PDB file of N, CA and C in Angstrom:
ATOM      1  N   MET A   1     -24.229   2.537 -10.638  1.00  0.00           N
ATOM      2  CA  MET A   1     -25.093   3.725 -10.805  1.00  0.00           C
ATOM      3  C   MET A   1     -24.511   4.754 -11.569  1.00  0.00           C
ATOM      4  N   LYS A   2     -24.991   5.459 -11.893  1.00  0.00           N
ATOM      5  CA  LYS A   2     -24.694   6.714 -13.005  1.00  0.00           C
ATOM      6  C   LYS A   2     -24.618   7.566 -11.774  1.00  0.00           C
ATOM      7  N   THR A   3     -23.416   8.707 -12.406  1.00  0.00           N
ATOM      8  CA  THR A   3     -23.147   9.772 -11.721  1.00  0.00           C
ATOM      9  C   THR A   3     -22.197  10.889 -13.086  1.00  0.00           C
ATOM     10  N   ALA A   4     -22.363  12.050 -12.633  1.00  0.00           N
ATOM     11  CA  ALA A   4     -21.859  13.183 -13.436  1.00  0.00           C
ATOM     12  C   ALA A   4     -20.237  13.843 -12.386  1.00  0.00           C
ATOM     13  N   VAL A   5     -19.019  14.150 -13.178  1.00  0.00           N
ATOM     14  CA  VAL A   5     -18.343  14.733 -12.573  1.00  0.00           C
ATOM     15  C   VAL A   5     -17.919  15.320 -13.156  1.00  0.00           C
ATOM     16  N   SER A   6     -17.037  16.532 -13.022  1.00  0.00           N
ATOM     17  CA  SER A   6     -16.635  17.392 -13.684  1.00  0.00           C
ATOM     18  C   SER A   6     -14.709  17.364 -13.335  1.00  0.00           C
ATOM     19  N   LEU A   7     -13.964  17.360 -15.307  1.00  0.00           N
ATOM     20  CA  LEU A   7     -13.045  17.020 -14.906  1.00  0.00           C
ATOM     21  C   LEU A   7     -12.130  17.896 -15.798  1.00  0.00           C
ATOM     22  N   PRO A   8     -10.836  18.601 -15.745  1.00  0.00           N
ATOM     23  CA  PRO A   8     -10.151  19.187 -16.843  1.00  0.00           C
ATOM     24  C   PRO A   8     -10.118  18.792 -17.806  1.00  0.00           C
ATOM     25  N   ASP A   9     -10.245  19.443 -18.958  1.00  0.00           N
ATOM     26  CA  ASP A   9     -10.344  18.679 -20.243  1.00  0.00           C
ATOM     27  C   ASP A   9      -9.152  18.072 -20.524  1.00  0.00           C
ATOM     28  N   ASP A  10      -8.051  18.495 -20.452  1.00  0.00           N
ATOM     29  CA  ASP A  10      -6.514  17.840 -20.675  1.00  0.00           C
ATOM     30  C   ASP A  10      -6.703  16.609 -19.781  1.00  0.00           C
ATOM     31  N   LEU A  11      -7.251  16.002 -18.537  1.00  0.00           N
ATOM     32  CA  LEU A  11      -7.425  14.659 -17.929  1.00  0.00           C
ATOM     33  C   LEU A  11      -8.406  13.591 -18.547  1.00  0.00           C
ATOM     34  N   PHE A  12      -9.539  14.338 -18.803  1.00  0.00           N
ATOM     35  CA  PHE A  12     -10.775  13.857 -19.896  1.00  0.00           C
ATOM     36  C   PHE A  12     -10.115  13.085 -21.314  1.00  0.00           C
ATOM     37  N   GLU A  13      -9.744  13.897 -21.809  1.00  0.00           N
ATOM     38  CA  GLU A  13      -8.588  13.350 -23.096  1.00  0.00           C
ATOM     39  C   GLU A  13      -7.429  12.979 -22.775  1.00  0.00           C
ATOM     40  N   ASN A  14      -7.041  12.176 -21.785  1.00  0.00           N
ATOM     41  CA  ASN A  14      -5.815  11.676 -21.926  1.00  0.00           C
ATOM     42  C   ASN A  14      -6.267   9.878 -21.094  1.00  0.00           C
ATOM     43  N   ALA A  15      -7.630  10.448 -20.087  1.00  0.00           N
ATOM     44  CA  ALA A  15      -8.057   9.078 -19.754  1.00  0.00           C
ATOM     45  C   ALA A  15      -8.998   8.604 -20.681  1.00  0.00           C
ATOM     46  N   ASP A  16      -9.490   9.334 -21.916  1.00  0.00           N
ATOM     47  CA  ASP A  16      -9.895   8.787 -23.124  1.00  0.00           C
ATOM     48  C   ASP A  16      -8.980   7.619 -23.696  1.00  0.00           C
ATOM     49  N   VAL A  17      -7.659   8.912 -24.043  1.00  0.00           N
ATOM     50  CA  VAL A  17      -6.578   8.026 -24.837  1.00  0.00           C
ATOM     51  C   VAL A  17      -6.202   6.657 -24.112  1.00  0.00           C
ATOM     52  N   LEU A  18      -6.006   6.712 -22.913  1.00  0.00           N
ATOM     53  CA  LEU A  18      -5.945   5.311 -21.972  1.00  0.00           C
ATOM     54  C   LEU A  18      -6.787   4.411 -22.067  1.00  0.00           C
ATOM     55  N   ALA A  19      -8.079   4.569 -21.563  1.00  0.00           N
ATOM     56  CA  ALA A  19      -9.166   3.690 -22.004  1.00  0.00           C
ATOM     57  C   ALA A  19      -9.236   2.763 -23.096  1.00  0.00           C
ATOM     58  N   GLU A  20      -9.267   4.155 -24.289  1.00  0.00           N
ATOM     59  CA  GLU A  20      -8.780   2.907 -25.427  1.00  0.00           C
ATOM     60  C   GLU A  20      -7.621   2.435 -25.999  1.00  0.00           C
ATOM     61  N   LYS A  21      -6.339   2.801 -25.477  1.00  0.00           N
ATOM     62  CA  LYS A  21      -5.219   1.845 -25.294  1.00  0.00           C
ATOM     63  C   LYS A  21      -5.113   0.458 -24.612  1.00  0.00           C
ATOM     64  N   LEU A  22      -6.130   0.752 -23.334  1.00  0.00           N
ATOM     65  CA  LEU A  22      -6.495  -0.593 -22.776  1.00  0.00           C
ATOM     66  C   LEU A  22      -7.316  -1.222 -23.080  1.00  0.00           C
ATOM     67  N   GLY A  23      -8.414  -0.967 -24.122  1.00  0.00           N
ATOM     68  CA  GLY A  23      -9.982  -1.378 -24.511  1.00  0.00           C
ATOM     69  C   GLY A  23     -10.486  -1.594 -23.532  1.00  0.00           C
ATOM     70  N   LEU A  24     -10.875  -0.780 -22.588  1.00  0.00           N
ATOM     71  CA  LEU A  24     -11.404  -0.577 -21.602  1.00  0.00           C
ATOM     72  C   LEU A  24     -12.616   0.756 -22.072  1.00  0.00           C
ATOM     73  N   SER A  25     -13.585   0.753 -21.318  1.00  0.00           N
ATOM     74  CA  SER A  25     -14.755   1.359 -21.711  1.00  0.00           C
ATOM     75  C   SER A  25     -14.123   2.741 -20.670  1.00  0.00           C
ATOM     76  N   ARG A  26     -14.781   3.543 -20.719  1.00  0.00           N
ATOM     77  CA  ARG A  26     -14.313   4.859 -19.913  1.00  0.00           C
ATOM     78  C   ARG A  26     -14.999   4.267 -18.813  1.00  0.00           C
ATOM     79  N   SER A  27     -16.281   3.873 -18.515  1.00  0.00           N
ATOM     80  CA  SER A  27     -16.646   3.868 -17.673  1.00  0.00           C
ATOM     81  C   SER A  27     -16.438   3.014 -16.476  1.00  0.00           C
ATOM     82  N   ALA A  28     -15.694   1.654 -17.199  1.00  0.00           N
ATOM     83  CA  ALA A  28     -14.697   1.014 -16.711  1.00  0.00           C
ATOM     84  C   ALA A  28     -13.226   1.050 -16.133  1.00  0.00           C
ATOM     85  N   LEU A  29     -12.587   2.584 -16.709  1.00  0.00           N
ATOM     86  CA  LEU A  29     -11.281   2.988 -16.523  1.00  0.00           C
ATOM     87  C   LEU A  29     -11.552   3.823 -15.315  1.00  0.00           C
ATOM     88  N   TYR A  30     -12.960   4.558 -15.359  1.00  0.00           N
ATOM     89  CA  TYR A  30     -13.040   5.236 -14.378  1.00  0.00           C
ATOM     90  C   TYR A  30     -13.633   4.637 -12.854  1.00  0.00           C
ATOM     91  N   ALA A  31     -14.240   3.380 -12.941  1.00  0.00           N
ATOM     92  CA  ALA A  31     -14.249   2.809 -11.760  1.00  0.00           C
ATOM     93  C   ALA A  31     -13.063   2.281 -11.252  1.00  0.00           C
ATOM     94  N   THR A  32     -12.339   1.480 -12.117  1.00  0.00           N
ATOM     95  CA  THR A  32     -10.975   0.827 -11.848  1.00  0.00           C
ATOM     96  C   THR A  32     -10.387   1.843 -10.617  1.00  0.00           C
ATOM     97  N   ALA A  33     -10.095   2.956 -11.583  1.00  0.00           N
ATOM     98  CA  ALA A  33      -9.252   4.029 -10.771  1.00  0.00           C
ATOM     99  C   ALA A  33      -9.864   4.876  -9.363  1.00  0.00           C
ATOM    100  N   VAL A  34     -11.290   4.720  -9.751  1.00  0.00           N
ATOM    101  CA  VAL A  34     -11.741   5.071  -7.749  1.00  0.00           C
ATOM    102  C   VAL A  34     -11.829   3.551  -7.077  1.00  0.00           C
ATOM    103  N   ALA A  35     -11.770   2.456  -7.553  1.00  0.00           N
ATOM    104  CA  ALA A  35     -11.478   1.532  -7.089  1.00  0.00           C
ATOM    105  C   ALA A  35     -10.183   1.069  -6.078  1.00  0.00           C
ATOM    106  N   GLU A  36      -8.831   1.570  -6.885  1.00  0.00           N
ATOM    107  CA  GLU A  36      -7.968   1.571  -6.321  1.00  0.00           C
ATOM    108  C   GLU A  36      -7.139   2.709  -5.725  1.00  0.00           C
ATOM    109  N   PHE A  37      -7.926   3.714  -5.716  1.00  0.00           N
ATOM    110  CA  PHE A  37      -7.707   5.314  -4.832  1.00  0.00           C
ATOM    111  C   PHE A  37      -8.274   4.227  -3.711  1.00  0.00           C
ATOM    112  N   VAL A  38      -9.385   4.334  -3.641  1.00  0.00           N
ATOM    113  CA  VAL A  38     -10.265   3.732  -2.515  1.00  0.00           C
ATOM    114  C   VAL A  38      -9.014   2.776  -1.793  1.00  0.00           C
ATOM    115  N   ALA A  39      -8.594   1.959  -1.998  1.00  0.00           N
ATOM    116  CA  ALA A  39      -8.163   0.683  -1.802  1.00  0.00           C
ATOM    117  C   ALA A  39      -6.928   1.136  -1.258  1.00  0.00           C
ATOM    118  N   LYS A  40      -6.547   1.998  -1.811  1.00  0.00           N
ATOM    119  CA  LYS A  40      -5.155   2.480  -1.299  1.00  0.00           C
ATOM    120  C   LYS A  40      -4.874   3.437  -0.361  1.00  0.00           C
ATOM    121  N   HIS A  41      -6.265   3.986   0.309  1.00  0.00           N
ATOM    122  CA  HIS A  41      -6.494   4.941   1.157  1.00  0.00           C
ATOM    123  C   HIS A  41      -6.841   4.116   2.171  1.00  0.00           C
ATOM    124  N   ARG A  42      -7.464   3.053   2.304  1.00  0.00           N
ATOM    125  CA  ARG A  42      -8.059   1.936   2.550  1.00  0.00           C
ATOM    126  C   ARG A  42      -7.021   1.635   4.054  1.00  0.00           C
ATOM    127  N   GLY A  43      -5.896   1.489   3.056  1.00  0.00           N
ATOM    128  CA  GLY A  43      -4.384   0.672   3.612  1.00  0.00           C
ATOM    129  C   GLY A  43      -4.665   1.689   5.309  1.00  0.00           C
ATOM    130  N   GLY A  44      -4.415   3.129   5.153  1.00  0.00           N
ATOM    131  CA  GLY A  44      -4.377   3.849   6.194  1.00  0.00           C
ATOM    132  C   GLY A  44      -5.123   3.040   7.387  1.00  0.00           C
ATOM    133  N   ASP A  45      -5.990   2.851   7.085  1.00  0.00           N
ATOM    134  CA  ASP A  45      -7.080   3.254   8.029  1.00  0.00           C
ATOM    135  C   ASP A  45      -6.487   1.686   8.791  1.00  0.00           C
ATOM    136  N   VAL A  46      -6.077   0.488   8.349  1.00  0.00           N
ATOM    137  CA  VAL A  46      -5.404  -0.849   8.633  1.00  0.00           C
ATOM    138  C   VAL A  46      -4.631  -0.585   9.566  1.00  0.00           C
ATOM    139  N   THR A  47      -3.185   0.386   8.949  1.00  0.00           N
ATOM    140  CA  THR A  47      -1.908   1.078   9.563  1.00  0.00           C
ATOM    141  C   THR A  47      -2.656   1.575  11.026  1.00  0.00           C
ATOM    142  N   ALA A  48      -3.763   2.767  11.386  1.00  0.00           N
ATOM    143  CA  ALA A  48      -4.134   2.817  12.036  1.00  0.00           C
ATOM    144  C   ALA A  48      -4.261   2.617  13.132  1.00  0.00           C
ATOM    145  N   ARG A  49      -5.167   1.399  12.819  1.00  0.00           N
ATOM    146  CA  ARG A  49      -5.627   0.890  13.740  1.00  0.00           C
ATOM    147  C   ARG A  49      -4.790  -0.363  14.304  1.00  0.00           C
ATOM    148  N   LEU A  50      -3.670  -0.638  13.298  1.00  0.00           N
ATOM    149  CA  LEU A  50      -2.710  -1.730  13.889  1.00  0.00           C
ATOM    150  C   LEU A  50      -1.893  -1.088  14.885  1.00  0.00           C
ATOM    151  N   ASP A  51      -1.647   0.415  14.902  1.00  0.00           N
ATOM    152  CA  ASP A  51      -0.761   1.304  15.706  1.00  0.00           C
ATOM    153  C   ASP A  51      -1.608   1.180  17.173  1.00  0.00           C
ATOM    154  N   ALA A  52      -2.920   1.579  16.909  1.00  0.00           N
ATOM    155  CA  ALA A  52      -3.678   1.736  18.287  1.00  0.00           C
ATOM    156  C   ALA A  52      -3.183   0.053  18.919  1.00  0.00           C
ATOM    157  N   VAL A  53      -3.209  -0.790  18.462  1.00  0.00           N
ATOM    158  CA  VAL A  53      -3.254  -1.996  19.188  1.00  0.00           C
ATOM    159  C   VAL A  53      -2.162  -2.568  19.816  1.00  0.00           C
ATOM    160  N   TYR A  54      -1.010  -2.087  18.831  1.00  0.00           N
ATOM    161  CA  TYR A  54       0.489  -2.203  19.544  1.00  0.00           C
ATOM    162  C   TYR A  54       0.932  -1.391  20.120  1.00  0.00           C
ATOM    163  N   GLU A  55       0.281  -0.036  20.300  1.00  0.00           N
ATOM    164  CA  GLU A  55       1.091   0.798  20.846  1.00  0.00           C
ATOM    165  C   GLU A  55       0.811   0.347  22.490  1.00  0.00           C
ATOM    166  N   LYS A  56       0.059  -0.458  22.821  1.00  0.00           N
ATOM    167  CA  LYS A  56      -0.585  -0.971  23.853  1.00  0.00           C
ATOM    168  C   LYS A  56       0.355  -1.884  24.568  1.00  0.00           C
ATOM    169  N   SER A  57       1.171  -2.402  23.536  1.00  0.00           N
ATOM    170  CA  SER A  57       1.756  -3.949  24.423  1.00  0.00           C
ATOM    171  C   SER A  57       3.261  -3.627  23.835  1.00  0.00           C
ATOM    172  N   ASP A  58       4.295  -4.173  24.675  1.00  0.00           N
ATOM    173  CA  ASP A  58       5.509  -3.789  24.957  1.00  0.00           C
ATOM    174  C   ASP A  58       6.416  -4.715  23.581  1.00  0.00           C
ATOM    175  N   SER A  59       7.174  -3.929  22.637  1.00  0.00           N
ATOM    176  CA  SER A  59       7.446  -4.759  21.214  1.00  0.00           C
ATOM    177  C   SER A  59       9.036  -4.697  21.371  1.00  0.00           C
ATOM    178  N   ARG A  60       9.685  -4.614  22.462  1.00  0.00           N
ATOM    179  CA  ARG A  60      10.813  -4.914  23.289  1.00  0.00           C
ATOM    180  C   ARG A  60      11.653  -6.220  22.573  1.00  0.00           C
ATOM    181  N   VAL A  61      12.444  -6.547  22.396  1.00  0.00           N
ATOM    182  CA  VAL A  61      12.871  -8.056  22.148  1.00  0.00           C
ATOM    183  C   VAL A  61      13.981  -8.470  23.362  1.00  0.00           C
ATOM    184  N   ALA A  62      13.025  -9.460  23.631  1.00  0.00           N
ATOM    185  CA  ALA A  62      13.499  -9.948  24.889  1.00  0.00           C
ATOM    186  C   ALA A  62      15.243 -10.421  24.820  1.00  0.00           C
ATOM    187  N   LYS A  63      16.203 -10.294  26.085  1.00  0.00           N
ATOM    188  CA  LYS A  63      17.604  -9.671  26.184  1.00  0.00           C
ATOM    189  C   LYS A  63      17.838 -10.880  25.399  1.00  0.00           C
ATOM    190  N   ASN A  64      17.671 -12.099  25.763  1.00  0.00           N
ATOM    191  CA  ASN A  64      18.102 -13.607  25.633  1.00  0.00           C
ATOM    192  C   ASN A  64      18.109 -13.537  24.234  1.00  0.00           C
ATOM    193  N   LEU A  65      16.750 -13.266  23.353  1.00  0.00           N
ATOM    194  CA  LEU A  65      16.625 -13.324  21.975  1.00  0.00           C
ATOM    195  C   LEU A  65      17.650 -12.452  21.213  1.00  0.00           C
ATOM    196  N   ARG A  66      17.581 -11.405  21.892  1.00  0.00           N
ATOM    197  CA  ARG A  66      18.345 -10.213  20.770  1.00  0.00           C
ATOM    198  C   ARG A  66      20.261 -10.657  20.878  1.00  0.00           C
ATOM    199  N   ARG A  67      20.264 -11.206  22.248  1.00  0.00           N
ATOM    200  CA  ARG A  67      21.547 -11.530  22.393  1.00  0.00           C
ATOM    201  C   ARG A  67      22.073 -12.700  21.232  1.00  0.00           C
ATOM    202  N   ALA A  68      20.971 -13.393  21.609  1.00  0.00           N
ATOM    203  CA  ALA A  68      20.963 -14.637  19.952  1.00  0.00           C
ATOM    204  C   ALA A  68      21.365 -14.049  18.840  1.00  0.00           C
ATOM    205  N   GLN A  69      20.028 -13.090  18.437  1.00  0.00           N
ATOM    206  CA  GLN A  69      20.579 -12.166  16.891  1.00  0.00           C
ATOM    207  C   GLN A  69      21.960 -11.538  16.802  1.00  0.00           C
ATOM    208  N   VAL A  70      22.498 -10.859  17.672  1.00  0.00           N
ATOM    209  CA  VAL A  70      23.255 -10.393  17.584  1.00  0.00           C
ATOM    210  C   VAL A  70      24.830 -11.476  17.252  1.00  0.00           C
ATOM    211  N   GLN A  71      24.375 -12.407  17.971  1.00  0.00           N
ATOM    212  CA  GLN A  71      25.575 -13.266  17.711  1.00  0.00           C
ATOM    213  C   GLN A  71      25.853 -14.408  16.459  1.00  0.00           C
ATOM    214  N   SER A  72      23.790 -14.164  16.021  1.00  0.00           N
ATOM    215  CA  SER A  72      24.159 -14.857  14.638  1.00  0.00           C
ATOM    216  C   SER A  72      24.778 -13.928  13.312  1.00  0.00           C
ATOM    217  N   VAL A  73      24.187 -12.514  13.695  1.00  0.00           N
ATOM    218  CA  VAL A  73      24.819 -11.522  12.842  1.00  0.00           C
ATOM    219  C   VAL A  73      26.642 -11.750  12.862  1.00  0.00           C
ATOM    220  N   MET A  74      27.048 -11.980  13.985  1.00  0.00           N
ATOM    221  CA  MET A  74      28.581 -11.670  14.223  1.00  0.00           C
ATOM    222  C   MET A  74      29.104 -12.939  13.178  1.00  0.00           C
ATOM    223  N   LYS A  75      28.689 -14.022  13.652  1.00  0.00           N
ATOM    224  CA  LYS A  75      29.008 -15.497  12.879  1.00  0.00           C
ATOM    225  C   LYS A  75      29.010 -15.044  11.502  1.00  0.00           C
ATOM    226  N   ASP A  76      27.669 -14.131  10.910  1.00  0.00           N
ATOM    227  CA  ASP A  76      27.658 -14.582   9.278  1.00  0.00           C
ATOM    228  C   ASP A  76      28.752 -13.476   8.576  1.00  0.00           C
ATOM    229  N   GLU A  77      28.771 -12.651   9.689  1.00  0.00           N
ATOM    230  CA  GLU A  77      30.023 -10.973   8.990  1.00  0.00           C
ATOM    231  C   GLU A  77      31.461 -11.854   9.091  1.00  0.00           C
ATOM    232  N   ARG A  78      31.654 -13.211  10.205  1.00  0.00           N
ATOM    233  CA  ARG A  78      32.808 -13.675  10.077  1.00  0.00           C
ATOM    234  C   ARG A  78      32.857 -14.839   8.988  1.00  0.00           C
ATOM    235  N   GLY A  79      31.756 -14.974   8.658  1.00  0.00           N
ATOM    236  CA  GLY A  79      31.489 -16.163   7.483  1.00  0.00           C
ATOM    237  C   GLY A  79      31.993 -17.863   8.071  1.00  0.00           C
ATOM    238  N   ASP A  80      30.703 -17.933   9.262  1.00  0.00           N
ATOM    239  CA  ASP A  80      31.540 -18.892   9.816  1.00  0.00           C
ATOM    240  C   ASP A  80      29.818 -19.601   9.343  1.00  0.00           C
ATOM    241  N   TRP A  81      29.237 -19.289   8.307  1.00  0.00           N
ATOM    242  CA  TRP A  81      27.937 -19.728   7.871  1.00  0.00           C
ATOM    243  C   TRP A  81      28.508 -20.684   6.771  1.00  0.00           C
TER     244      TRP A  81
END
């Protein structure tokens, strides 16, 4: 799809320099940049959904498992491994 966008002159010039350095067309550079930006922000949606799922469940560690973890750390600190 073709589109028109407005950019500050210095950003446009820097993008052109980078595209040339990377051996990309201007369109490929902008498409890559937008795709990475969208992917970065899509992660927040996943995190929010996972938070919603896990806020309803008990995430505490069982006492016997917590005790085993503490004992394991204590052994490691004493050099028993």
